[in-house]
Amino acid sequence: MIKKKVIVAMSGGVDSSVSAYILKKIGYCVEGIFMNNWEIDNNENSCNSLKDFLDTKLVTDILDIKLHTINFSKDYFNNVFKYFLNVYLKGNTPNPDILCNKIIKFNILKDFINKNIKCDYISTGHYARNIFCKKKNKNFLLRGLDKNKDQSYFLYKLNSNEINKYIFPLGNFKKNEVRKIAEKIKISNYNKKSSTGICFIGNKCFNNFLSKFISKSKGIILSEDNKFIGYHNGISFYTIGQRKGLNIGGIKGYKESPWYIIDKNIKKNILVVSQNKNHKNLISYGLIANNINWINKIPNNINRFKALVKIRYNHNNDINSLVKIFNNFVYVIFDKPNGVVVPGQSVVFYIGNNCIGGGIIYSRI
C-alpha cells in the first residue's frame, strides 16, 4: 500500500516539529519545508531565520525526513508587509499573521508545492481542527481542543476547498501535551518559547521596528476638554484604548491616574486622551466589518443570525451577538456593551466551535 504524502510547513518551533512526528507515526510519508519570509535587518533580530532553519534541520534529522527550503521574502514583503504598513499609515491596527496564513501558507506555498514537490496533503502546526461532513459534502473549520491555544481565528480567510487540502495534527492536543511529546522524542526545542505577533521582530520594541518603515511625525496630545497634555511620536504608533507608552503623567490639575487614548485625528496628527476608563469611546455596542469571508457560503435567504464573535486573538471571552449581512458589509450587535473595538483588526464568527468566517473591522458601533 502506497503511503499518502504530506508536506509539513516547519519553522523550527515545537508545534510544527511535533506535527511532523505525529504524521509520520500514524503512517504518512512526511517531508518538511522551511520558508524564509524575512531578510531585511535579519542579523539584528532574535527570531533569526538562520537559527530557525538550523533548529528545523536538527528536527528533520532526528525524525529522518527530507527537508525542502524556499525563500518567500519578496512575496511576504509585497503581499503582506506593505499592506501591514499601509493600514498603520491610515491610523488603524492590522493583524498581518492572518494575511500571512492566507497568502503565504495557504496560497503561495500550496502553489509551490503542487508545482515542484507534489503531495496529497499539506500540514501546519496550527491548533485548529478540520472535518469533512459527508451529509453536507462540506469541510468545516473547528476550534482547537485547547481553548487557550486555539488558532482558528487566524484561519478564517480560508474556504472549504482550501481546508480540504490541509491537516492540522495538533487540533486535538493541548500545548503542554505537545511539549511532552517533543521532550519524549528528544527534540531539543521542546521548551522553545511560542512565537507571538510578528515573528521576525523578535524581542525588539515594536515601535522602534515600525519607525524604520514609517517616519515619525511628532504631534500634540490633548485632553478630552481640549487642554494640552504633551507630545506623541507619530499617530500611527498608537491605538485607541492604549494606556501604556504614552509617557504622560504628573499633569497639573489632573489626578494621578492612567490616561487612555480615546481618539485619533489623523489629518491634524492629534491624539486625544482621557482618564475615564469608562469613556464612551472605550465602550462598544457592536461593529461594522467589511472584506468578509465565509468558509462555507451563507445561503442567500439568510441575512441575520446569532453567533459568537471574537474581536481580537487575545480576547478571552467570545461575545454573544446578532450578525446582520448587508451586501459586502456585516453589522454586529453585541448582546452586552463591550470594550474597545479596534479598526483594522479582524472579527471572527463562530457557531459553537465551528468557525464560519470573519472580516476586517471597519468601525465600532
Protein backbone atom coordinates (compact mmCIF):
# COMPACT_ATOMS: atom_id res chain seq x y z
CA MET A 1 0.00 0.00 0.00
CA ILE A 2 1.40 3.39 -1.03
CA LYS A 3 1.59 5.87 1.83
CA LYS A 4 -0.10 9.24 1.46
CA LYS A 5 2.49 12.03 1.24
CA VAL A 6 2.31 15.09 3.50
CA ILE A 7 4.47 18.22 3.36
CA VAL A 8 4.75 19.91 6.77
CA ALA A 9 5.44 23.66 6.95
CA MET A 10 8.21 23.76 9.57
CA SER A 11 9.57 26.76 11.46
CA GLY A 12 11.94 25.25 14.00
CA GLY A 13 9.28 25.54 16.70
CA VAL A 14 7.84 22.77 18.81
CA ASP A 15 4.38 22.80 17.17
CA SER A 16 5.45 22.12 13.58
CA SER A 17 8.10 19.64 14.82
CA VAL A 18 5.56 17.56 16.74
CA SER A 19 3.11 17.81 13.82
CA ALA A 20 5.69 16.14 11.58
CA TYR A 21 6.37 13.47 14.21
CA ILE A 22 2.66 12.66 14.70
CA LEU A 23 2.00 12.37 10.97
CA LYS A 24 4.97 10.05 10.46
CA LYS A 25 3.95 7.93 13.43
CA ILE A 26 0.42 7.36 12.11
CA GLY A 27 1.72 6.23 8.73
CA TYR A 28 2.12 9.18 6.38
CA CYS A 29 5.17 9.71 4.18
CA VAL A 30 6.35 13.02 5.66
CA GLU A 31 8.64 15.71 4.29
CA GLY A 32 9.27 19.16 5.73
CA ILE A 33 9.53 22.56 4.11
CA PHE A 34 11.16 25.61 5.66
CA MET A 35 10.11 29.08 4.47
CA ASN A 36 12.32 32.14 4.81
CA ASN A 37 9.84 35.03 4.80
CA TRP A 38 12.04 37.86 6.01
CA GLU A 39 15.51 39.09 5.06
CA ILE A 40 15.58 42.77 5.98
CA ASP A 41 17.69 43.53 9.04
CA ASN A 42 17.71 39.84 9.94
CA ASN A 43 21.02 39.90 11.82
CA GLU A 44 19.58 42.25 14.43
CA ASN A 45 16.53 40.16 15.27
CA SER A 46 16.26 37.39 17.82
CA CYS A 47 13.88 35.47 15.58
CA ASN A 48 16.72 34.85 13.13
CA SER A 49 15.86 32.79 10.07
CA LEU A 50 19.24 31.02 10.09
CA LYS A 51 18.75 29.85 13.67
CA ASP A 52 15.21 28.73 12.88
CA PHE A 53 16.48 26.83 9.85
CA LEU A 54 19.16 25.08 11.92
CA ASP A 55 16.54 24.15 14.53
CA THR A 56 14.34 22.77 11.76
CA LYS A 57 17.21 20.80 10.21
CA LEU A 58 18.01 19.27 13.58
CA VAL A 59 14.41 18.10 13.94
CA THR A 60 14.18 16.64 10.44
CA ASP A 61 17.44 14.76 11.05
CA ILE A 62 16.00 13.29 14.27
CA LEU A 63 12.77 12.32 12.50
CA ASP A 64 14.69 11.14 9.43
CA ILE A 65 12.60 13.11 6.96
CA LYS A 66 13.57 15.15 3.92
CA LEU A 67 13.69 18.94 4.26
CA HIS A 68 12.94 21.40 1.44
CA THR A 69 13.71 25.12 1.68
CA ILE A 70 12.15 28.07 -0.11
CA ASN A 71 12.57 31.85 0.07
CA PHE A 72 9.28 33.75 0.07
CA SER A 73 10.69 37.01 1.47
CA LYS A 74 9.75 39.05 -1.64
CA ASP A 75 6.24 37.61 -1.65
CA TYR A 76 5.86 38.35 2.04
CA PHE A 77 7.13 41.91 1.73
CA ASN A 78 4.99 42.76 -1.30
CA ASN A 79 1.78 40.98 -0.32
CA VAL A 80 1.75 41.11 3.48
CA PHE A 81 4.16 43.66 4.88
CA LYS A 82 3.23 46.51 2.51
CA TYR A 83 -0.43 46.03 3.42
CA PHE A 84 0.54 46.00 7.10
CA LEU A 85 2.35 49.35 6.75
CA ASN A 86 -0.45 50.91 4.69
CA VAL A 87 -3.06 50.07 7.33
CA TYR A 88 -0.87 51.60 10.05
CA LEU A 89 -0.43 54.77 7.99
CA LYS A 90 -4.22 55.08 7.85
CA GLY A 91 -4.29 55.03 11.64
CA ASN A 92 -5.67 51.51 12.03
CA THR A 93 -4.15 48.42 13.64
CA PRO A 94 -3.78 45.40 11.32
CA ASN A 95 -3.16 41.73 12.00
CA PRO A 96 -0.52 40.58 9.48
CA ASP A 97 -0.50 36.97 10.71
CA ILE A 98 -3.94 36.36 9.22
CA LEU A 99 -2.89 37.70 5.82
CA CYS A 100 0.34 35.69 6.01
CA ASN A 101 -1.62 32.50 6.58
CA LYS A 102 -3.97 33.17 3.68
CA ILE A 103 -1.46 34.45 1.10
CA ILE A 104 1.80 32.75 2.02
CA LYS A 105 0.99 29.48 3.82
CA PHE A 106 -2.26 28.66 2.05
CA ASN A 107 -1.77 30.11 -1.44
CA ILE A 108 1.83 30.71 -2.49
CA LEU A 109 3.22 27.75 -0.52
CA LYS A 110 0.48 25.46 -1.83
CA ASP A 111 1.16 26.53 -5.43
CA PHE A 112 4.91 25.99 -4.99
CA ILE A 113 4.40 22.51 -3.52
CA ASN A 114 1.92 21.49 -6.22
CA LYS A 115 4.33 22.57 -8.98
CA ASN A 116 7.62 21.40 -7.52
CA ILE A 117 7.14 18.66 -4.93
CA LYS A 118 3.71 17.04 -5.31
CA CYS A 119 1.88 15.64 -2.32
CA ASP A 120 -1.52 14.51 -1.10
CA TYR A 121 -1.74 16.93 1.82
CA ILE A 122 -0.05 19.92 3.42
CA SER A 123 0.20 20.32 7.17
CA THR A 124 0.84 23.16 9.62
CA GLY A 125 1.19 23.33 13.39
CA HIS A 126 -1.97 25.35 13.96
CA TYR A 127 -4.16 24.45 16.93
CA ALA A 128 -7.34 24.01 14.90
CA ARG A 129 -9.44 21.16 13.56
CA ASN A 130 -10.93 20.49 10.15
CA ILE A 131 -13.60 17.91 9.47
CA PHE A 132 -15.47 16.73 6.39
CA CYS A 133 -19.22 16.25 6.72
CA LYS A 134 -20.38 13.62 4.21
CA LYS A 135 -24.03 14.51 4.71
CA LYS A 136 -23.46 18.15 3.72
CA ASN A 137 -20.48 17.40 1.46
CA LYS A 138 -18.57 20.28 3.07
CA ASN A 139 -15.40 20.87 5.06
CA PHE A 140 -15.64 22.72 8.36
CA LEU A 141 -13.04 24.55 10.43
CA LEU A 142 -13.35 23.98 14.18
CA ARG A 143 -11.62 25.47 17.18
CA GLY A 144 -8.65 23.60 18.58
CA LEU A 145 -9.33 21.46 21.64
CA ASP A 146 -7.00 23.67 23.73
CA LYS A 147 -9.15 26.77 24.21
CA ASN A 148 -6.18 28.80 25.43
CA LYS A 149 -4.19 27.98 22.30
CA ASP A 150 -6.92 27.74 19.66
CA GLN A 151 -5.74 29.37 16.41
CA SER A 152 -8.81 29.04 14.20
CA TYR A 153 -9.03 32.86 14.47
CA PHE A 154 -6.02 33.13 12.16
CA LEU A 155 -7.53 30.81 9.55
CA TYR A 156 -10.91 32.44 8.91
CA LYS A 157 -9.88 33.66 5.43
CA LEU A 158 -9.72 30.10 4.12
CA ASN A 159 -12.55 28.46 2.23
CA SER A 160 -13.92 24.94 2.40
CA ASN A 161 -11.91 23.69 -0.58
CA GLU A 162 -8.64 25.04 0.83
CA ILE A 163 -9.26 23.40 4.20
CA ASN A 164 -9.71 20.04 2.47
CA LYS A 165 -6.05 20.01 1.40
CA TYR A 166 -4.68 20.65 4.91
CA ILE A 167 -4.11 18.55 8.02
CA PHE A 168 -3.85 20.12 11.49
CA PRO A 169 -2.41 17.33 13.69
CA LEU A 170 -2.40 19.44 16.87
CA GLY A 171 -6.10 20.27 16.85
CA ASN A 172 -6.92 17.61 19.42
CA PHE A 173 -3.91 18.30 21.67
CA LYS A 174 -3.16 20.75 24.43
CA LYS A 175 0.07 22.73 24.36
CA ASN A 176 1.54 21.02 27.42
CA GLU A 177 0.88 17.63 25.80
CA VAL A 178 2.71 18.75 22.67
CA ARG A 179 5.74 19.83 24.69
CA LYS A 180 5.76 16.46 26.50
CA ILE A 181 5.75 14.63 23.16
CA ALA A 182 8.65 16.77 21.93
CA GLU A 183 10.61 16.07 25.11
CA LYS A 184 9.87 12.35 24.91
CA ILE A 185 11.26 12.04 21.38
CA LYS A 186 14.27 14.13 22.39
CA ILE A 187 13.57 17.18 20.25
CA SER A 188 15.77 19.85 21.80
CA ASN A 189 13.32 22.67 21.05
CA TYR A 190 10.58 21.17 23.26
CA ASN A 191 10.79 24.16 25.61
CA LYS A 192 11.22 26.79 22.88
CA LYS A 193 9.09 29.85 23.53
CA SER A 194 6.00 30.14 21.35
CA SER A 195 6.22 32.87 18.74
CA THR A 196 3.80 35.78 19.15
CA GLY A 197 2.96 38.75 16.99
CA ILE A 198 5.25 39.29 14.02
CA CYS A 199 7.97 36.68 14.35
CA PHE A 200 10.81 38.48 12.59
CA ILE A 201 10.68 41.38 15.05
CA GLY A 202 11.74 39.05 17.85
CA ASN A 203 12.12 40.75 21.20
CA LYS A 204 12.70 44.20 19.79
CA CYS A 205 10.49 47.14 20.68
CA PHE A 206 7.67 47.14 18.14
CA ASN A 207 7.59 50.94 17.77
CA ASN A 208 11.34 51.05 17.16
CA PHE A 209 10.95 48.44 14.45
CA LEU A 210 7.98 50.20 12.86
CA SER A 211 9.83 53.54 12.81
CA LYS A 212 12.30 52.07 10.29
CA PHE A 213 9.49 51.97 7.75
CA ILE A 214 7.12 54.73 8.91
CA SER A 215 8.56 58.17 9.58
CA LYS A 216 7.82 59.61 13.00
CA SER A 217 5.72 62.77 12.83
CA LYS A 218 5.61 64.40 16.24
CA GLY A 219 2.23 65.77 17.29
CA ILE A 220 0.34 67.01 20.31
CA ILE A 221 -1.75 65.16 22.86
CA LEU A 222 -4.92 66.87 24.06
CA SER A 223 -7.27 66.02 26.90
CA GLU A 224 -10.93 65.45 26.14
CA ASP A 225 -11.58 69.01 27.35
CA ASN A 226 -9.11 70.27 24.72
CA LYS A 227 -6.18 71.06 27.04
CA PHE A 228 -2.56 70.42 26.08
CA ILE A 229 -1.19 67.28 27.77
CA GLY A 230 2.04 66.51 25.91
CA TYR A 231 3.53 65.23 22.66
CA HIS A 232 3.39 61.92 20.81
CA ASN A 233 5.95 60.41 18.43
CA GLY A 234 3.67 59.67 15.48
CA ILE A 235 -0.02 58.89 15.41
CA SER A 236 0.48 55.60 13.53
CA PHE A 237 2.22 54.14 16.57
CA TYR A 238 -0.82 54.39 18.85
CA THR A 239 -4.11 52.51 19.23
CA ILE A 240 -7.50 53.52 20.63
CA GLY A 241 -7.72 52.28 24.21
CA GLN A 242 -3.95 52.24 24.69
CA ARG A 243 -2.70 53.43 28.08
CA LYS A 244 0.90 52.24 28.16
CA GLY A 245 3.75 54.02 26.41
CA LEU A 246 2.12 57.46 26.37
CA ASN A 247 4.82 58.97 28.60
CA ILE A 248 2.43 61.41 30.21
CA GLY A 249 1.75 61.86 33.90
CA GLY A 250 2.03 64.39 36.67
CA ILE A 251 -0.09 66.87 34.73
CA LYS A 252 -1.06 69.86 36.85
CA GLY A 253 -4.77 69.94 37.57
CA TYR A 254 -5.27 66.23 36.87
CA LYS A 255 -5.24 63.27 39.24
CA GLU A 256 -2.50 60.64 39.21
CA SER A 257 -4.43 58.07 37.19
CA PRO A 258 -3.73 56.32 33.87
CA TRP A 259 -4.51 58.11 30.60
CA TYR A 260 -6.31 56.30 27.79
CA ILE A 261 -6.30 57.17 24.11
CA ILE A 262 -9.91 57.87 23.15
CA ASP A 263 -9.49 59.41 19.69
CA LYS A 264 -7.00 59.83 16.84
CA ASN A 265 -7.26 62.80 14.47
CA ILE A 266 -5.20 61.53 11.55
CA LYS A 267 -5.42 64.71 9.44
CA LYS A 268 -4.33 67.01 12.28
CA ASN A 269 -1.95 64.45 13.82
CA ILE A 270 -3.57 64.83 17.26
CA LEU A 271 -4.14 62.23 19.96
CA VAL A 272 -6.98 62.77 22.42
CA VAL A 273 -6.75 61.17 25.87
CA SER A 274 -8.92 60.74 28.93
CA GLN A 275 -8.51 59.43 32.46
CA ASN A 276 -12.00 57.97 32.34
CA LYS A 277 -11.56 54.26 31.63
CA ASN A 278 -15.31 54.06 31.02
CA HIS A 279 -15.31 56.83 28.41
CA LYS A 280 -17.94 56.31 25.71
CA ASN A 281 -15.20 55.89 23.07
CA LEU A 282 -13.84 52.92 25.01
CA ILE A 283 -17.17 51.12 25.06
CA SER A 284 -18.61 49.37 22.00
CA TYR A 285 -22.13 48.17 21.36
CA GLY A 286 -21.20 46.44 18.14
CA LEU A 287 -19.16 46.89 14.98
CA ILE A 288 -19.23 47.13 11.21
CA ALA A 289 -16.91 44.86 9.23
CA ASN A 290 -16.02 44.52 5.55
CA ASN A 291 -13.78 42.25 3.43
CA ILE A 292 -15.93 39.37 4.64
CA ASN A 293 -15.01 35.75 4.01
CA TRP A 294 -17.31 32.82 4.70
CA ILE A 295 -15.59 29.44 4.94
CA ASN A 296 -18.79 27.90 3.57
CA LYS A 297 -21.15 30.12 1.62
CA ILE A 298 -24.04 31.52 3.64
CA PRO A 299 -27.38 30.70 1.94
CA ASN A 300 -28.91 33.70 0.15
CA ASN A 301 -32.09 33.54 2.24
CA ILE A 302 -30.14 34.03 5.49
CA ASN A 303 -29.22 37.65 6.22
CA ARG A 304 -29.09 37.57 10.00
CA PHE A 305 -28.15 35.02 12.64
CA LYS A 306 -26.87 34.69 16.20
CA ALA A 307 -23.18 33.94 16.64
CA LEU A 308 -20.23 34.19 18.98
CA VAL A 309 -17.67 36.75 17.85
CA LYS A 310 -14.01 37.20 18.67
CA ILE A 311 -12.74 40.76 18.14
CA ARG A 312 -9.02 40.01 18.55
CA TYR A 313 -6.94 36.90 19.08
CA ASN A 314 -6.06 37.53 22.72
CA HIS A 315 -9.65 38.45 23.62
CA ASN A 316 -10.52 35.72 26.11
CA ASN A 317 -14.30 35.95 26.00
CA ASP A 318 -16.42 35.40 22.91
CA ILE A 319 -19.24 37.93 22.57
CA ASN A 320 -22.82 36.76 22.01
CA SER A 321 -24.01 38.82 19.06
CA LEU A 322 -26.56 39.33 16.33
CA VAL A 323 -24.89 39.29 12.91
CA LYS A 324 -26.61 41.11 10.04
CA ILE A 325 -25.38 40.77 6.44
CA PHE A 326 -25.71 43.77 4.10
CA ASN A 327 -24.04 43.12 0.73
CA ASN A 328 -20.28 43.29 1.39
CA PHE A 329 -20.66 44.55 4.97
CA VAL A 330 -21.61 42.84 8.19
CA TYR A 331 -23.22 44.62 11.13
CA VAL A 332 -22.60 43.02 14.51
CA ILE A 333 -24.75 43.95 17.51
CA PHE A 334 -23.37 42.77 20.86
CA ASP A 335 -25.78 41.36 23.44
CA LYS A 336 -23.97 43.47 26.06
CA PRO A 337 -21.70 46.53 25.81
CA ASN A 338 -18.06 45.57 25.38
CA GLY A 339 -14.64 47.16 25.46
CA VAL A 340 -12.60 48.76 22.70
CA VAL A 341 -13.12 47.57 19.13
CA VAL A 342 -10.04 48.37 17.03
CA PRO A 343 -10.48 49.17 13.30
CA GLY A 344 -8.09 47.14 11.16
CA GLN A 345 -8.25 44.08 13.40
CA SER A 346 -10.21 41.00 12.40
CA VAL A 347 -13.56 39.91 13.79
CA VAL A 348 -14.21 36.19 13.53
CA PHE A 349 -17.60 34.47 13.79
CA TYR A 350 -18.34 31.16 15.49
CA ILE A 351 -21.40 28.99 15.94
CA GLY A 352 -20.37 26.81 18.84
CA ASN A 353 -16.90 25.52 17.95
CA ASN A 354 -17.48 25.99 14.22
CA CYS A 355 -15.51 28.91 12.76
CA ILE A 356 -17.76 30.14 9.94
CA GLY A 357 -15.74 33.15 8.73
CA GLY A 358 -14.86 36.73 9.53
CA GLY A 359 -13.85 40.13 8.24
CA ILE A 360 -11.90 43.31 8.89
CA ILE A 361 -13.30 45.71 11.48
CA TYR A 362 -14.26 48.95 9.73
CA SER A 363 -15.71 50.84 12.68
CA ARG A 364 -17.31 50.38 16.06
CA ILE A 365 -20.96 50.98 16.88
